[in-house]
Amino acid sequence: MIGTRIAGGLLAVATLTAATACSTSNQPAHATRPPATVASPAAMASTPPTETLKPLLQQALPNVKGKTFTSAVVDFPPNARALPHRHGQAFVYAYVLEGTVRSQLEGKPVTTYHQGENWVEQPGAHHLLTENTSQTKRAKLLVVFVSNTGDKLKVDDPKS
């Protein structure tokens, strides 16, 4: 029950933040993702598309020294999948704005989330799976991070 209240409160803060981001003087954070590269047709056929992250607002928390609040929209084109990753020591809240997403954290079962559903990830969680379940429609998430100031928001697992 407490977790639901916290998640609901974070959603309210994120929604207000997103709604007012255009009217504030704060500049949105820059995406940490490198620009897309052009792949050969054979590579495109075997590799599913990946997600893109569009930051909405990044702001140091005035009452929590060393912590930063970041909100972003993560867009999953049809059939897109994120690489396994971690979010460092950030607390993460995700809300499905559109579509359906399948997700799995290490040690937890695979879970499917539909539009209007949400989840949280504890600091240090290992995200094994995040994918759009549709081959024809996109999925979008509103993601809120409370992180250590200066930390990367997403670190993909090293390639094996």
Protein backbone atom coordinates (compact mmCIF):
# COMPACT_ATOMS: atom_id res chain seq x y z
CA MET A 1 0.00 0.00 0.00
CA ILE A 2 2.81 2.43 0.86
CA GLY A 3 4.63 1.55 -2.39
CA THR A 4 1.47 2.32 -4.35
CA ARG A 5 1.17 5.70 -2.64
CA ILE A 6 4.83 6.49 -3.36
CA ALA A 7 4.43 5.47 -7.00
CA GLY A 8 1.24 7.51 -7.29
CA GLY A 9 2.98 10.51 -5.76
CA LEU A 10 5.91 10.18 -8.15
CA LEU A 11 3.48 9.96 -11.07
CA ALA A 12 1.77 13.15 -9.94
CA VAL A 13 5.11 14.95 -9.60
CA ALA A 14 6.28 13.67 -12.99
CA THR A 15 3.03 14.68 -14.68
CA LEU A 16 3.18 18.17 -13.20
CA THR A 17 6.84 18.42 -14.10
CA ALA A 18 6.19 17.40 -17.69
CA ALA A 19 3.27 19.81 -17.97
CA THR A 20 5.29 22.75 -16.67
CA ALA A 21 8.67 21.92 -18.23
CA CYS A 22 8.00 24.14 -21.24
CA SER A 23 7.18 27.13 -19.06
CA THR A 24 10.23 26.98 -16.82
CA SER A 25 13.71 28.29 -17.45
CA ASN A 26 15.28 24.90 -16.78
CA GLN A 27 16.71 23.33 -19.89
CA PRO A 28 15.96 19.63 -20.42
CA ALA A 29 18.80 17.20 -20.03
CA HIS A 30 20.54 16.02 -23.16
CA ALA A 31 20.04 12.43 -24.17
CA THR A 32 23.02 10.29 -23.22
CA ARG A 33 22.45 7.94 -26.14
CA PRO A 34 24.83 8.23 -29.08
CA PRO A 35 23.29 9.04 -32.47
CA ALA A 36 21.93 6.07 -34.38
CA THR A 37 24.18 4.48 -36.93
CA VAL A 38 23.06 3.15 -40.28
CA ALA A 39 23.14 -0.63 -40.39
CA SER A 40 23.18 -2.95 -43.36
CA PRO A 41 19.84 -4.50 -44.41
CA ALA A 42 21.04 -7.89 -43.13
CA ALA A 43 21.92 -6.43 -39.72
CA MET A 44 18.58 -4.61 -39.54
CA ALA A 45 16.72 -7.86 -40.24
CA SER A 46 18.44 -9.72 -37.38
CA THR A 47 18.65 -6.93 -34.80
CA PRO A 48 15.41 -5.59 -33.33
CA PRO A 49 15.12 -1.80 -33.07
CA THR A 50 15.98 -0.21 -29.75
CA GLU A 51 14.36 2.45 -27.58
CA THR A 52 15.02 6.19 -27.54
CA LEU A 53 14.98 8.38 -24.43
CA LYS A 54 13.71 11.97 -24.60
CA PRO A 55 14.45 13.89 -21.40
CA LEU A 56 11.70 16.23 -20.21
CA LEU A 57 13.25 17.79 -17.12
CA GLN A 58 16.33 17.37 -14.99
CA GLN A 59 16.54 19.24 -11.70
CA ALA A 60 18.62 18.95 -8.57
CA LEU A 61 16.38 18.24 -5.59
CA PRO A 62 16.71 21.29 -3.34
CA ASN A 63 15.87 19.42 -0.15
CA VAL A 64 17.95 16.28 -0.84
CA LYS A 65 21.60 17.16 -1.28
CA GLY A 66 23.37 15.20 -4.03
CA LYS A 67 20.16 13.87 -5.65
CA THR A 68 18.64 14.79 -9.02
CA PHE A 69 15.10 14.30 -10.35
CA THR A 70 14.88 13.44 -14.05
CA SER A 71 11.75 12.73 -16.07
CA ALA A 72 11.84 11.30 -19.59
CA VAL A 73 9.71 9.64 -22.22
CA VAL A 74 11.09 6.34 -23.49
CA ASP A 75 9.79 5.46 -26.95
CA PHE A 76 9.79 1.84 -28.15
CA PRO A 77 9.06 1.50 -31.89
CA PRO A 78 7.25 -1.69 -32.93
CA ASN A 79 9.24 -4.80 -31.95
CA ALA A 80 11.87 -2.69 -30.11
CA ARG A 81 13.94 -4.07 -27.26
CA ALA A 82 16.34 -2.43 -24.82
CA LEU A 83 19.68 -4.04 -24.11
CA PRO A 84 20.08 -5.48 -20.60
CA HIS A 85 21.08 -2.60 -18.34
CA ARG A 86 21.20 -0.97 -14.92
CA HIS A 87 20.27 2.49 -13.72
CA GLY A 88 23.12 2.78 -11.25
CA GLN A 89 21.91 3.74 -7.79
CA ALA A 90 18.82 5.53 -9.13
CA PHE A 91 15.32 4.81 -7.86
CA VAL A 92 13.20 4.38 -11.01
CA TYR A 93 9.46 4.74 -11.56
CA ALA A 94 7.96 3.75 -14.94
CA TYR A 95 4.42 4.40 -16.19
CA VAL A 96 3.10 3.02 -19.50
CA LEU A 97 1.74 5.94 -21.50
CA GLU A 98 0.97 3.95 -24.64
CA GLY A 99 1.08 0.33 -25.80
CA THR A 100 2.30 -2.75 -23.95
CA VAL A 101 5.76 -3.45 -22.52
CA ARG A 102 7.25 -6.69 -21.23
CA SER A 103 9.83 -6.26 -18.47
CA GLN A 104 12.01 -8.39 -16.22
CA LEU A 105 14.30 -7.48 -13.35
CA GLU A 106 16.91 -10.00 -12.21
CA GLY A 107 15.39 -12.48 -9.77
CA LYS A 108 11.82 -11.51 -10.72
CA PRO A 109 9.37 -13.05 -13.21
CA VAL A 110 8.75 -11.54 -16.65
CA THR A 111 5.80 -9.15 -16.32
CA THR A 112 3.67 -7.51 -19.01
CA TYR A 113 2.49 -3.94 -18.41
CA HIS A 114 -0.32 -2.29 -20.37
CA GLN A 115 -1.22 1.37 -20.85
CA GLY A 116 -1.94 2.93 -17.43
CA GLU A 117 0.10 0.39 -15.43
CA ASN A 118 3.38 1.11 -13.63
CA TRP A 119 6.30 -0.33 -11.69
CA VAL A 120 9.32 0.70 -9.66
CA GLU A 121 12.93 -0.43 -9.74
CA GLN A 122 15.09 -0.29 -6.65
CA PRO A 123 18.59 1.22 -6.77
CA GLY A 124 21.10 -1.20 -8.33
CA ALA A 125 18.41 -3.34 -10.02
CA HIS A 126 19.53 -5.28 -13.10
CA HIS A 127 17.03 -4.88 -15.92
CA LEU A 128 17.28 -8.05 -18.02
CA LEU A 129 14.37 -7.41 -20.39
CA THR A 130 12.39 -4.43 -21.61
CA GLU A 131 10.55 -4.78 -24.90
CA ASN A 132 7.55 -3.61 -26.88
CA THR A 133 5.29 -6.63 -27.31
CA SER A 134 3.73 -5.33 -30.54
CA GLN A 135 5.18 -5.73 -34.02
CA THR A 136 2.92 -2.98 -35.39
CA LYS A 137 2.32 -0.36 -32.65
CA ARG A 138 4.76 1.71 -30.60
CA ALA A 139 4.94 1.75 -26.81
CA LYS A 140 5.88 4.74 -24.65
CA LEU A 141 6.88 5.02 -21.02
CA LEU A 142 7.10 8.00 -18.70
CA VAL A 143 10.16 7.25 -16.59
CA VAL A 144 11.21 9.14 -13.46
CA PHE A 145 14.69 8.76 -11.97
CA VAL A 146 15.87 9.94 -8.56
CA SER A 147 19.60 9.54 -8.96
CA ASN A 148 22.93 10.64 -7.55
CA THR A 149 23.76 13.95 -9.22
CA GLY A 150 26.08 13.35 -12.17
CA ASP A 151 25.44 9.59 -12.51
CA LYS A 152 24.52 8.10 -15.88
CA LEU A 153 20.83 7.20 -16.00
CA LYS A 154 21.31 4.00 -18.01
CA VAL A 155 24.35 1.78 -18.37
CA ASP A 156 24.02 -1.10 -20.84
CA ASP A 157 25.61 -4.40 -19.86
CA PRO A 158 29.05 -4.97 -21.38
CA LYS A 159 29.01 -7.02 -24.59
CA SER A 160 30.01 -10.64 -24.00
